[in-house]
Amino acid sequence: MHNLRHIFETHNFELTNETTKGLEYRHQETEDILYLLPTKEINLAVSPLSFDVDLSQSDGKIHSTALKHFPKRLNGGKQPISFGYSFKFPTEEALSDFLHTFNN
């Protein structure tokens, strides 16, 4: 996951938190937060409150305690859990194109 850091930095995102469940990046101008999740493919979690992204193009909702800056909702348990929308990318170039939308 750290090998993707340069792509985030190119698009004005800085690493603000790191856990075993993911890397948290914050956009330096808009303060949008994204989470890079440790999966076999490039997987980003985007806030459901984001206005910069067409959430209908996502790969679906994702629930995780790692998404600490995202809103919470019930997901079958007794306690609400943070959730966002998952976006998966086959290549670093596809990730870069997606991150570019936060700079416009």
PDB file of N, CA and C in Angstrom:
ATOM      1  N   MET A   1       0.824  -1.202   0.000  1.00  0.00           N
ATOM      2  CA  MET A   1       0.000   0.000   0.000  1.00  0.00           C
ATOM      3  C   MET A   1       0.864   1.260   0.000  1.00  0.00           C
ATOM      4  N   HIS A   2       2.025   1.164   0.642  1.00  0.00           N
ATOM      5  CA  HIS A   2       2.878   2.353   0.708  1.00  0.00           C
ATOM      6  C   HIS A   2       3.452   2.734  -0.649  1.00  0.00           C
ATOM      7  N   ASN A   3       3.506   1.777  -1.577  1.00  0.00           N
ATOM      8  CA  ASN A   3       4.028   2.095  -2.896  1.00  0.00           C
ATOM      9  C   ASN A   3       3.080   3.008  -3.675  1.00  0.00           C
ATOM     10  N   LEU A   4       1.864   3.199  -3.183  1.00  0.00           N
ATOM     11  CA  LEU A   4       0.898   4.097  -3.830  1.00  0.00           C
ATOM     12  C   LEU A   4       0.956   5.508  -3.259  1.00  0.00           C
ATOM     13  N   ARG A   5       1.775   5.716  -2.233  1.00  0.00           N
ATOM     14  CA  ARG A   5       1.833   7.006  -1.543  1.00  0.00           C
ATOM     15  C   ARG A   5       2.122   8.154  -2.507  1.00  0.00           C
ATOM     16  N   HIS A   6       3.035   7.948  -3.450  1.00  0.00           N
ATOM     17  CA  HIS A   6       3.395   9.015  -4.380  1.00  0.00           C
ATOM     18  C   HIS A   6       2.203   9.465  -5.221  1.00  0.00           C
ATOM     19  N   ILE A   7       1.294   8.553  -5.540  1.00  0.00           N
ATOM     20  CA  ILE A   7       0.107   8.921  -6.320  1.00  0.00           C
ATOM     21  C   ILE A   7      -0.790   9.840  -5.495  1.00  0.00           C
ATOM     22  N   PHE A   8      -0.980   9.510  -4.226  1.00  0.00           N
ATOM     23  CA  PHE A   8      -1.793  10.360  -3.359  1.00  0.00           C
ATOM     24  C   PHE A   8      -1.151  11.733  -3.187  1.00  0.00           C
ATOM     25  N   GLU A   9       0.155  11.763  -2.984  1.00  0.00           N
ATOM     26  CA  GLU A   9       0.858  13.038  -2.802  1.00  0.00           C
ATOM     27  C   GLU A   9       0.766  13.909  -4.048  1.00  0.00           C
ATOM     28  N   THR A  10       0.825  13.300  -5.222  1.00  0.00           N
ATOM     29  CA  THR A  10       0.701  14.037  -6.480  1.00  0.00           C
ATOM     30  C   THR A  10      -0.646  14.760  -6.568  1.00  0.00           C
ATOM     31  N   HIS A  11      -1.666  14.177  -5.950  1.00  0.00           N
ATOM     32  CA  HIS A  11      -3.013  14.751  -6.014  1.00  0.00           C
ATOM     33  C   HIS A  11      -3.400  15.479  -4.717  1.00  0.00           C
ATOM     34  N   ASN A  12      -2.413  15.970  -3.983  1.00  0.00           N
ATOM     35  CA  ASN A  12      -2.605  16.797  -2.784  1.00  0.00           C
ATOM     36  C   ASN A  12      -3.232  16.068  -1.607  1.00  0.00           C
ATOM     37  N   PHE A  13      -3.004  14.778  -1.495  1.00  0.00           N
ATOM     38  CA  PHE A  13      -3.449  14.024  -0.329  1.00  0.00           C
ATOM     39  C   PHE A  13      -2.242  13.733   0.550  1.00  0.00           C
ATOM     40  N   GLU A  14      -2.429  13.887   1.862  1.00  0.00           N
ATOM     41  CA  GLU A  14      -1.354  13.538   2.785  1.00  0.00           C
ATOM     42  C   GLU A  14      -1.812  12.418   3.709  1.00  0.00           C
ATOM     43  N   LEU A  15      -0.887  11.551   4.073  1.00  0.00           N
ATOM     44  CA  LEU A  15      -1.168  10.458   4.983  1.00  0.00           C
ATOM     45  C   LEU A  15      -1.366  11.024   6.381  1.00  0.00           C
ATOM     46  N   THR A  16      -2.531  10.775   6.989  1.00  0.00           N
ATOM     47  CA  THR A  16      -2.826  11.334   8.312  1.00  0.00           C
ATOM     48  C   THR A  16      -2.971  10.271   9.390  1.00  0.00           C
ATOM     49  N   ASN A  17      -3.161   9.008   9.004  1.00  0.00           N
ATOM     50  CA  ASN A  17      -3.256   7.948   9.998  1.00  0.00           C
ATOM     51  C   ASN A  17      -2.990   6.610   9.321  1.00  0.00           C
ATOM     52  N   GLU A  18      -2.367   5.712  10.070  1.00  0.00           N
ATOM     53  CA  GLU A  18      -2.054   4.395   9.535  1.00  0.00           C
ATOM     54  C   GLU A  18      -2.373   3.336  10.581  1.00  0.00           C
ATOM     55  N   THR A  19      -3.172   2.351  10.187  1.00  0.00           N
ATOM     56  CA  THR A  19      -3.475   1.207  11.052  1.00  0.00           C
ATOM     57  C   THR A  19      -3.340  -0.054  10.210  1.00  0.00           C
ATOM     58  N   THR A  20      -3.495  -1.195  10.843  1.00  0.00           N
ATOM     59  CA  THR A  20      -3.449  -2.445  10.087  1.00  0.00           C
ATOM     60  C   THR A  20      -4.672  -2.590   9.182  1.00  0.00           C
ATOM     61  N   LYS A  21      -5.720  -1.815   9.457  1.00  0.00           N
ATOM     62  CA  LYS A  21      -6.948  -1.892   8.665  1.00  0.00           C
ATOM     63  C   LYS A  21      -6.964  -0.927   7.488  1.00  0.00           C
ATOM     64  N   GLY A  22      -6.004  -0.015   7.425  1.00  0.00           N
ATOM     65  CA  GLY A  22      -5.977   0.898   6.293  1.00  0.00           C
ATOM     66  C   GLY A  22      -5.158   2.143   6.529  1.00  0.00           C
ATOM     67  N   LEU A  23      -4.963   2.893   5.448  1.00  0.00           N
ATOM     68  CA  LEU A  23      -4.263   4.169   5.481  1.00  0.00           C
ATOM     69  C   LEU A  23      -5.269   5.291   5.255  1.00  0.00           C
ATOM     70  N   GLU A  24      -5.217   6.306   6.097  1.00  0.00           N
ATOM     71  CA  GLU A  24      -6.132   7.445   5.990  1.00  0.00           C
ATOM     72  C   GLU A  24      -5.409   8.594   5.316  1.00  0.00           C
ATOM     73  N   TYR A  25      -6.005   9.105   4.243  1.00  0.00           N
ATOM     74  CA  TYR A  25      -5.448  10.245   3.518  1.00  0.00           C
ATOM     75  C   TYR A  25      -6.433  11.404   3.569  1.00  0.00           C
ATOM     76  N   ARG A  26      -5.895  12.617   3.767  1.00  0.00           N
ATOM     77  CA  ARG A  26      -6.720  13.830   3.788  1.00  0.00           C
ATOM     78  C   ARG A  26      -6.243  14.763   2.674  1.00  0.00           C
ATOM     79  N   HIS A  27      -7.197  15.276   1.882  1.00  0.00           N
ATOM     80  CA  HIS A  27      -6.860  16.228   0.825  1.00  0.00           C
ATOM     81  C   HIS A  27      -6.468  17.548   1.477  1.00  0.00           C
ATOM     82  N   GLN A  28      -5.369  18.119   1.050  1.00  0.00           N
ATOM     83  CA  GLN A  28      -4.817  19.297   1.706  1.00  0.00           C
ATOM     84  C   GLN A  28      -5.652  20.559   1.506  1.00  0.00           C
ATOM     85  N   GLU A  29      -6.469  20.618   0.479  1.00  0.00           N
ATOM     86  CA  GLU A  29      -7.288  21.801   0.236  1.00  0.00           C
ATOM     87  C   GLU A  29      -8.745  21.592   0.639  1.00  0.00           C
ATOM     88  N   THR A  30      -9.342  20.489   0.181  1.00  0.00           N
ATOM     89  CA  THR A  30     -10.766  20.266   0.435  1.00  0.00           C
ATOM     90  C   THR A  30     -11.025  19.559   1.760  1.00  0.00           C
ATOM     91  N   GLU A  31      -9.983  18.946   2.326  1.00  0.00           N
ATOM     92  CA  GLU A  31     -10.052  18.171   3.558  1.00  0.00           C
ATOM     93  C   GLU A  31     -10.902  16.903   3.432  1.00  0.00           C
ATOM     94  N   ASP A  32     -11.203  16.486   2.193  1.00  0.00           N
ATOM     95  CA  ASP A  32     -11.860  15.197   1.974  1.00  0.00           C
ATOM     96  C   ASP A  32     -10.953  14.093   2.511  1.00  0.00           C
ATOM     97  N   ILE A  33     -11.552  13.078   3.091  1.00  0.00           N
ATOM     98  CA  ILE A  33     -10.799  11.948   3.622  1.00  0.00           C
ATOM     99  C   ILE A  33     -11.125  10.694   2.822  1.00  0.00           C
ATOM    100  N   LEU A  34     -10.071   9.945   2.484  1.00  0.00           N
ATOM    101  CA  LEU A  34     -10.191   8.665   1.809  1.00  0.00           C
ATOM    102  C   LEU A  34      -9.416   7.638   2.611  1.00  0.00           C
ATOM    103  N   TYR A  35      -9.834   6.396   2.531  1.00  0.00           N
ATOM    104  CA  TYR A  35      -9.108   5.306   3.178  1.00  0.00           C
ATOM    105  C   TYR A  35      -8.661   4.312   2.122  1.00  0.00           C
ATOM    106  N   LEU A  36      -7.381   4.009   2.125  1.00  0.00           N
ATOM    107  CA  LEU A  36      -6.832   2.967   1.269  1.00  0.00           C
ATOM    108  C   LEU A  36      -6.824   1.693   2.094  1.00  0.00           C
ATOM    109  N   LEU A  37      -7.544   0.693   1.632  1.00  0.00           N
ATOM    110  CA  LEU A  37      -7.740  -0.535   2.405  1.00  0.00           C
ATOM    111  C   LEU A  37      -6.840  -1.659   1.907  1.00  0.00           C
ATOM    112  N   PRO A  38      -6.334  -2.481   2.818  1.00  0.00           N
ATOM    113  CA  PRO A  38      -5.401  -3.541   2.439  1.00  0.00           C
ATOM    114  C   PRO A  38      -6.102  -4.765   1.844  1.00  0.00           C
ATOM    115  N   THR A  39      -6.272  -4.743   0.552  1.00  0.00           N
ATOM    116  CA  THR A  39      -6.844  -5.881  -0.168  1.00  0.00           C
ATOM    117  C   THR A  39      -5.914  -6.211  -1.335  1.00  0.00           C
ATOM    118  N   LYS A  40      -6.210  -7.276  -2.048  1.00  0.00           N
ATOM    119  CA  LYS A  40      -5.355  -7.684  -3.175  1.00  0.00           C
ATOM    120  C   LYS A  40      -5.359  -6.657  -4.292  1.00  0.00           C
ATOM    121  N   GLU A  41      -6.475  -5.955  -4.439  1.00  0.00           N
ATOM    122  CA  GLU A  41      -6.551  -4.915  -5.461  1.00  0.00           C
ATOM    123  C   GLU A  41      -6.515  -3.553  -4.781  1.00  0.00           C
ATOM    124  N   ILE A  42      -6.414  -2.510  -5.571  1.00  0.00           N
ATOM    125  CA  ILE A  42      -6.422  -1.152  -5.020  1.00  0.00           C
ATOM    126  C   ILE A  42      -7.861  -0.833  -4.637  1.00  0.00           C
ATOM    127  N   ASN A  43      -8.104  -0.624  -3.345  1.00  0.00           N
ATOM    128  CA  ASN A  43      -9.462  -0.440  -2.835  1.00  0.00           C
ATOM    129  C   ASN A  43      -9.516   0.810  -1.963  1.00  0.00           C
ATOM    130  N   LEU A  44     -10.327   1.789  -2.387  1.00  0.00           N
ATOM    131  CA  LEU A  44     -10.516   3.027  -1.635  1.00  0.00           C
ATOM    132  C   LEU A  44     -11.901   3.061  -1.031  1.00  0.00           C
ATOM    133  N   ALA A  45     -11.993   3.632   0.167  1.00  0.00           N
ATOM    134  CA  ALA A  45     -13.292   3.906   0.777  1.00  0.00           C
ATOM    135  C   ALA A  45     -13.501   5.413   0.745  1.00  0.00           C
ATOM    136  N   VAL A  46     -14.660   5.821   0.226  1.00  0.00           N
ATOM    137  CA  VAL A  46     -15.019   7.234   0.075  1.00  0.00           C
ATOM    138  C   VAL A  46     -16.230   7.502   0.954  1.00  0.00           C
ATOM    139  N   SER A  47     -16.250   8.670   1.576  1.00  0.00           N
ATOM    140  CA  SER A  47     -17.361   9.033   2.450  1.00  0.00           C
ATOM    141  C   SER A  47     -18.676   9.112   1.688  1.00  0.00           C
ATOM    142  N   PRO A  48     -19.769   8.669   2.305  1.00  0.00           N
ATOM    143  CA  PRO A  48     -21.086   8.807   1.664  1.00  0.00           C
ATOM    144  C   PRO A  48     -21.519  10.271   1.580  1.00  0.00           C
ATOM    145  N   LEU A  49     -20.808  11.157   2.254  1.00  0.00           N
ATOM    146  CA  LEU A  49     -21.125  12.583   2.218  1.00  0.00           C
ATOM    147  C   LEU A  49     -20.307  13.341   1.182  1.00  0.00           C
ATOM    148  N   SER A  50     -19.492  12.643   0.416  1.00  0.00           N
ATOM    149  CA  SER A  50     -18.630  13.288  -0.574  1.00  0.00           C
ATOM    150  C   SER A  50     -19.454  13.809  -1.745  1.00  0.00           C
ATOM    151  N   PHE A  51     -19.203  15.057  -2.098  1.00  0.00           N
ATOM    152  CA  PHE A  51     -19.894  15.661  -3.243  1.00  0.00           C
ATOM    153  C   PHE A  51     -19.038  15.592  -4.503  1.00  0.00           C
ATOM    154  N   ASP A  52     -17.770  15.176  -4.364  1.00  0.00           N
ATOM    155  CA  ASP A  52     -16.844  15.166  -5.493  1.00  0.00           C
ATOM    156  C   ASP A  52     -16.908  13.888  -6.315  1.00  0.00           C
ATOM    157  N   VAL A  53     -17.635  12.883  -5.822  1.00  0.00           N
ATOM    158  CA  VAL A  53     -17.604  11.563  -6.443  1.00  0.00           C
ATOM    159  C   VAL A  53     -19.023  11.083  -6.730  1.00  0.00           C
ATOM    160  N   ASP A  54     -19.186  10.442  -7.868  1.00  0.00           N
ATOM    161  CA  ASP A  54     -20.464   9.824  -8.209  1.00  0.00           C
ATOM    162  C   ASP A  54     -20.535   8.469  -7.496  1.00  0.00           C
ATOM    163  N   LEU A  55     -21.203   8.438  -6.357  1.00  0.00           N
ATOM    164  CA  LEU A  55     -21.248   7.228  -5.539  1.00  0.00           C
ATOM    165  C   LEU A  55     -21.975   6.078  -6.226  1.00  0.00           C
ATOM    166  N   SER A  56     -22.802   6.393  -7.218  1.00  0.00           N
ATOM    167  CA  SER A  56     -23.508   5.319  -7.934  1.00  0.00           C
ATOM    168  C   SER A  56     -22.527   4.463  -8.746  1.00  0.00           C
ATOM    169  N   GLN A  57     -21.309   4.945  -8.952  1.00  0.00           N
ATOM    170  CA  GLN A  57     -20.298   4.191  -9.694  1.00  0.00           C
ATOM    171  C   GLN A  57     -19.442   3.308  -8.788  1.00  0.00           C
ATOM    172  N   SER A  58     -19.761   3.298  -7.485  1.00  0.00           N
ATOM    173  CA  SER A  58     -18.947   2.545  -6.526  1.00  0.00           C
ATOM    174  C   SER A  58     -19.187   1.042  -6.656  1.00  0.00           C
ATOM    175  N   ASP A  59     -18.335   0.291  -5.947  1.00  0.00           N
ATOM    176  CA  ASP A  59     -18.479  -1.162  -5.883  1.00  0.00           C
ATOM    177  C   ASP A  59     -19.338  -1.591  -4.694  1.00  0.00           C
ATOM    178  N   GLY A  60     -20.021  -0.632  -4.082  1.00  0.00           N
ATOM    179  CA  GLY A  60     -20.920  -0.937  -2.974  1.00  0.00           C
ATOM    180  C   GLY A  60     -20.449  -0.365  -1.653  1.00  0.00           C
ATOM    181  N   LYS A  61     -21.296  -0.523  -0.649  1.00  0.00           N
ATOM    182  CA  LYS A  61     -20.977  -0.023   0.692  1.00  0.00           C
ATOM    183  C   LYS A  61     -19.964  -0.931   1.367  1.00  0.00           C
ATOM    184  N   ILE A  62     -19.158  -0.315   2.222  1.00  0.00           N
ATOM    185  CA  ILE A  62     -18.187  -1.053   3.017  1.00  0.00           C
ATOM    186  C   ILE A  62     -18.292  -0.558   4.456  1.00  0.00           C
ATOM    187  N   HIS A  63     -18.251  -1.476   5.395  1.00  0.00           N
ATOM    188  CA  HIS A  63     -18.357  -1.144   6.819  1.00  0.00           C
ATOM    189  C   HIS A  63     -17.054  -1.525   7.507  1.00  0.00           C
ATOM    190  N   SER A  64     -16.514  -0.613   8.304  1.00  0.00           N
ATOM    191  CA  SER A  64     -15.254  -0.901   8.983  1.00  0.00           C
ATOM    192  C   SER A  64     -15.027   0.100  10.108  1.00  0.00           C
ATOM    193  N   THR A  65     -14.435  -0.381  11.185  1.00  0.00           N
ATOM    194  CA  THR A  65     -14.064   0.527  12.275  1.00  0.00           C
ATOM    195  C   THR A  65     -12.907   1.425  11.859  1.00  0.00           C
ATOM    196  N   ALA A  66     -12.212   1.079  10.795  1.00  0.00           N
ATOM    197  CA  ALA A  66     -11.097   1.903  10.310  1.00  0.00           C
ATOM    198  C   ALA A  66     -11.572   3.229   9.729  1.00  0.00           C
ATOM    199  N   LEU A  67     -12.820   3.307   9.330  1.00  0.00           N
ATOM    200  CA  LEU A  67     -13.351   4.515   8.677  1.00  0.00           C
ATOM    201  C   LEU A  67     -13.842   5.512   9.720  1.00  0.00           C
ATOM    202  N   LYS A  68     -12.973   5.897  10.627  1.00  0.00           N
ATOM    203  CA  LYS A  68     -13.387   6.635  11.818  1.00  0.00           C
ATOM    204  C   LYS A  68     -13.928   8.035  11.551  1.00  0.00           C
ATOM    205  N   HIS A  69     -13.632   8.628  10.407  1.00  0.00           N
ATOM    206  CA  HIS A  69     -14.143   9.968  10.104  1.00  0.00           C
ATOM    207  C   HIS A  69     -15.409   9.943   9.250  1.00  0.00           C
ATOM    208  N   PHE A  70     -15.929   8.760   8.980  1.00  0.00           N
ATOM    209  CA  PHE A  70     -17.125   8.619   8.162  1.00  0.00           C
ATOM    210  C   PHE A  70     -18.343   8.449   9.065  1.00  0.00           C
ATOM    211  N   PRO A  71     -19.537   8.729   8.536  1.00  0.00           N
ATOM    212  CA  PRO A  71     -20.754   8.534   9.334  1.00  0.00           C
ATOM    213  C   PRO A  71     -20.963   7.062   9.694  1.00  0.00           C
ATOM    214  N   LYS A  72     -21.823   6.835  10.683  1.00  0.00           N
ATOM    215  CA  LYS A  72     -22.104   5.470  11.132  1.00  0.00           C
ATOM    216  C   LYS A  72     -23.557   5.109  10.846  1.00  0.00           C
ATOM    217  N   ARG A  73     -23.789   3.793  10.762  1.00  0.00           N
ATOM    218  CA  ARG A  73     -25.146   3.275  10.602  1.00  0.00           C
ATOM    219  C   ARG A  73     -25.163   1.851  11.138  1.00  0.00           C
ATOM    220  N   LEU A  74     -26.358   1.354  11.397  1.00  0.00           N
ATOM    221  CA  LEU A  74     -26.492  -0.034  11.827  1.00  0.00           C
ATOM    222  C   LEU A  74     -26.301  -0.955  10.625  1.00  0.00           C
ATOM    223  N   ASN A  75     -25.586  -2.037  10.850  1.00  0.00           N
ATOM    224  CA  ASN A  75     -25.354  -3.000   9.771  1.00  0.00           C
ATOM    225  C   ASN A  75     -25.524  -4.419  10.297  1.00  0.00           C
ATOM    226  N   GLY A  76     -26.638  -4.675  10.917  1.00  0.00           N
ATOM    227  CA  GLY A  76     -26.911  -6.006  11.424  1.00  0.00           C
ATOM    228  C   GLY A  76     -26.512  -6.223  12.873  1.00  0.00           C
ATOM    229  N   GLY A  77     -25.708  -5.326  13.419  1.00  0.00           N
ATOM    230  CA  GLY A  77     -25.301  -5.454  14.815  1.00  0.00           C
ATOM    231  C   GLY A  77     -26.110  -4.534  15.705  1.00  0.00           C
ATOM    232  N   LYS A  78     -25.744  -4.485  16.981  1.00  0.00           N
ATOM    233  CA  LYS A  78     -26.449  -3.631  17.936  1.00  0.00           C
ATOM    234  C   LYS A  78     -25.885  -2.223  17.973  1.00  0.00           C
ATOM    235  N   GLN A  79     -24.632  -2.074  17.548  1.00  0.00           N
ATOM    236  CA  GLN A  79     -23.977  -0.771  17.571  1.00  0.00           C
ATOM    237  C   GLN A  79     -23.734  -0.282  16.139  1.00  0.00           C
ATOM    238  N   PRO A  80     -23.895   1.017  15.910  1.00  0.00           N
ATOM    239  CA  PRO A  80     -23.586   1.558  14.583  1.00  0.00           C
ATOM    240  C   PRO A  80     -22.095   1.393  14.266  1.00  0.00           C
ATOM    241  N   ILE A  81     -21.793   1.258  12.992  1.00  0.00           N
ATOM    242  CA  ILE A  81     -20.417   1.130  12.523  1.00  0.00           C
ATOM    243  C   ILE A  81     -20.196   2.100  11.357  1.00  0.00           C
ATOM    244  N   SER A  82     -18.991   2.627  11.256  1.00  0.00           N
ATOM    245  CA  SER A  82     -18.662   3.563  10.181  1.00  0.00           C
ATOM    246  C   SER A  82     -18.781   2.867   8.830  1.00  0.00           C
ATOM    247  N   PHE A  83     -19.236   3.642   7.833  1.00  0.00           N
ATOM    248  CA  PHE A  83     -19.363   3.069   6.499  1.00  0.00           C
ATOM    249  C   PHE A  83     -18.990   4.086   5.436  1.00  0.00           C
ATOM    250  N   GLY A  84     -18.648   3.563   4.286  1.00  0.00           N
ATOM    251  CA  GLY A  84     -18.336   4.385   3.130  1.00  0.00           C
ATOM    252  C   GLY A  84     -18.639   3.583   1.874  1.00  0.00           C
ATOM    253  N   TYR A  85     -18.201   4.121   0.762  1.00  0.00           N
ATOM    254  CA  TYR A  85     -18.399   3.449  -0.522  1.00  0.00           C
ATOM    255  C   TYR A  85     -17.055   3.001  -1.069  1.00  0.00           C
ATOM    256  N   SER A  86     -17.010   1.757  -1.494  1.00  0.00           N
ATOM    257  CA  SER A  86     -15.785   1.151  -1.986  1.00  0.00           C
ATOM    258  C   SER A  86     -15.614   1.423  -3.480  1.00  0.00           C
ATOM    259  N   PHE A  87     -14.404   1.807  -3.848  1.00  0.00           N
ATOM    260  CA  PHE A  87     -14.024   1.962  -5.251  1.00  0.00           C
ATOM    261  C   PHE A  87     -12.769   1.141  -5.471  1.00  0.00           C
ATOM    262  N   LYS A  88     -12.817   0.211  -6.424  1.00  0.00           N
ATOM    263  CA  LYS A  88     -11.685  -0.665  -6.702  1.00  0.00           C
ATOM    264  C   LYS A  88     -11.084  -0.301  -8.056  1.00  0.00           C
ATOM    265  N   PHE A  89      -9.757  -0.350  -8.103  1.00  0.00           N
ATOM    266  CA  PHE A  89      -9.050   0.070  -9.311  1.00  0.00           C
ATOM    267  C   PHE A  89      -8.079  -1.015  -9.761  1.00  0.00           C
ATOM    268  N   PRO A  90      -8.083  -1.334 -11.059  1.00  0.00           N
ATOM    269  CA  PRO A  90      -7.202  -2.390 -11.560  1.00  0.00           C
ATOM    270  C   PRO A  90      -5.742  -1.948 -11.699  1.00  0.00           C
ATOM    271  N   THR A  91      -5.517  -0.625 -11.832  1.00  0.00           N
ATOM    272  CA  THR A  91      -4.157  -0.129 -12.053  1.00  0.00           C
ATOM    273  C   THR A  91      -3.908   1.150 -11.251  1.00  0.00           C
ATOM    274  N   GLU A  92      -2.646   1.488 -11.103  1.00  0.00           N
ATOM    275  CA  GLU A  92      -2.273   2.747 -10.447  1.00  0.00           C
ATOM    276  C   GLU A  92      -2.757   3.941 -11.264  1.00  0.00           C
ATOM    277  N   GLU A  93      -2.756   3.806 -12.582  1.00  0.00           N
ATOM    278  CA  GLU A  93      -3.226   4.885 -13.453  1.00  0.00           C
ATOM    279  C   GLU A  93      -4.715   5.158 -13.224  1.00  0.00           C
ATOM    280  N   ALA A  94      -5.499   4.118 -13.057  1.00  0.00           N
ATOM    281  CA  ALA A  94      -6.932   4.283 -12.792  1.00  0.00           C
ATOM    282  C   ALA A  94      -7.142   4.978 -11.443  1.00  0.00           C
ATOM    283  N   LEU A  95      -6.343   4.625 -10.445  1.00  0.00           N
ATOM    284  CA  LEU A  95      -6.403   5.301  -9.151  1.00  0.00           C
ATOM    285  C   LEU A  95      -6.070   6.769  -9.307  1.00  0.00           C
ATOM    286  N   SER A  96      -5.021   7.073 -10.047  1.00  0.00           N
ATOM    287  CA  SER A  96      -4.606   8.455 -10.256  1.00  0.00           C
ATOM    288  C   SER A  96      -5.706   9.271 -10.939  1.00  0.00           C
ATOM    289  N   ASP A  97      -6.339   8.686 -11.939  1.00  0.00           N
ATOM    290  CA  ASP A  97      -7.439   9.373 -12.635  1.00  0.00           C
ATOM    291  C   ASP A  97      -8.579   9.680 -11.671  1.00  0.00           C
ATOM    292  N   PHE A  98      -8.892   8.743 -10.797  1.00  0.00           N
ATOM    293  CA  PHE A  98      -9.962   8.937  -9.814  1.00  0.00           C
ATOM    294  C   PHE A  98      -9.591  10.053  -8.829  1.00  0.00           C
ATOM    295  N   LEU A  99      -8.376  10.038  -8.317  1.00  0.00           N
ATOM    296  CA  LEU A  99      -7.955  11.059  -7.352  1.00  0.00           C
ATOM    297  C   LEU A  99      -7.927  12.442  -7.972  1.00  0.00           C
ATOM    298  N   HIS A 100      -7.728  12.516  -9.266  1.00  0.00           N
ATOM    299  CA  HIS A 100      -7.708  13.804  -9.964  1.00  0.00           C
ATOM    300  C   HIS A 100      -9.049  14.533  -9.813  1.00  0.00           C
ATOM    301  N   THR A 101     -10.153  13.798  -9.662  1.00  0.00           N
ATOM    302  CA  THR A 101     -11.474  14.437  -9.547  1.00  0.00           C
ATOM    303  C   THR A 101     -11.576  15.309  -8.287  1.00  0.00           C
ATOM    304  N   PHE A 102     -10.749  15.051  -7.275  1.00  0.00           N
ATOM    305  CA  PHE A 102     -10.791  15.847  -6.065  1.00  0.00           C
ATOM    306  C   PHE A 102     -10.081  17.188  -6.206  1.00  0.00           C
ATOM    307  N   ASN A 103      -9.373  17.387  -7.325  1.00  0.00           N
ATOM    308  CA  ASN A 103      -8.645  18.630  -7.551  1.00  0.00           C
ATOM    309  C   ASN A 103      -9.368  19.571  -8.483  1.00  0.00           C
ATOM    310  N   ASN A 104     -10.558  19.225  -8.889  1.00  0.00           N
ATOM    311  CA  ASN A 104     -11.320  20.088  -9.824  1.00  0.00           C
ATOM    312  C   ASN A 104     -12.473  20.753  -9.127  1.00  0.00           C
TER     313      ASN A 104
END
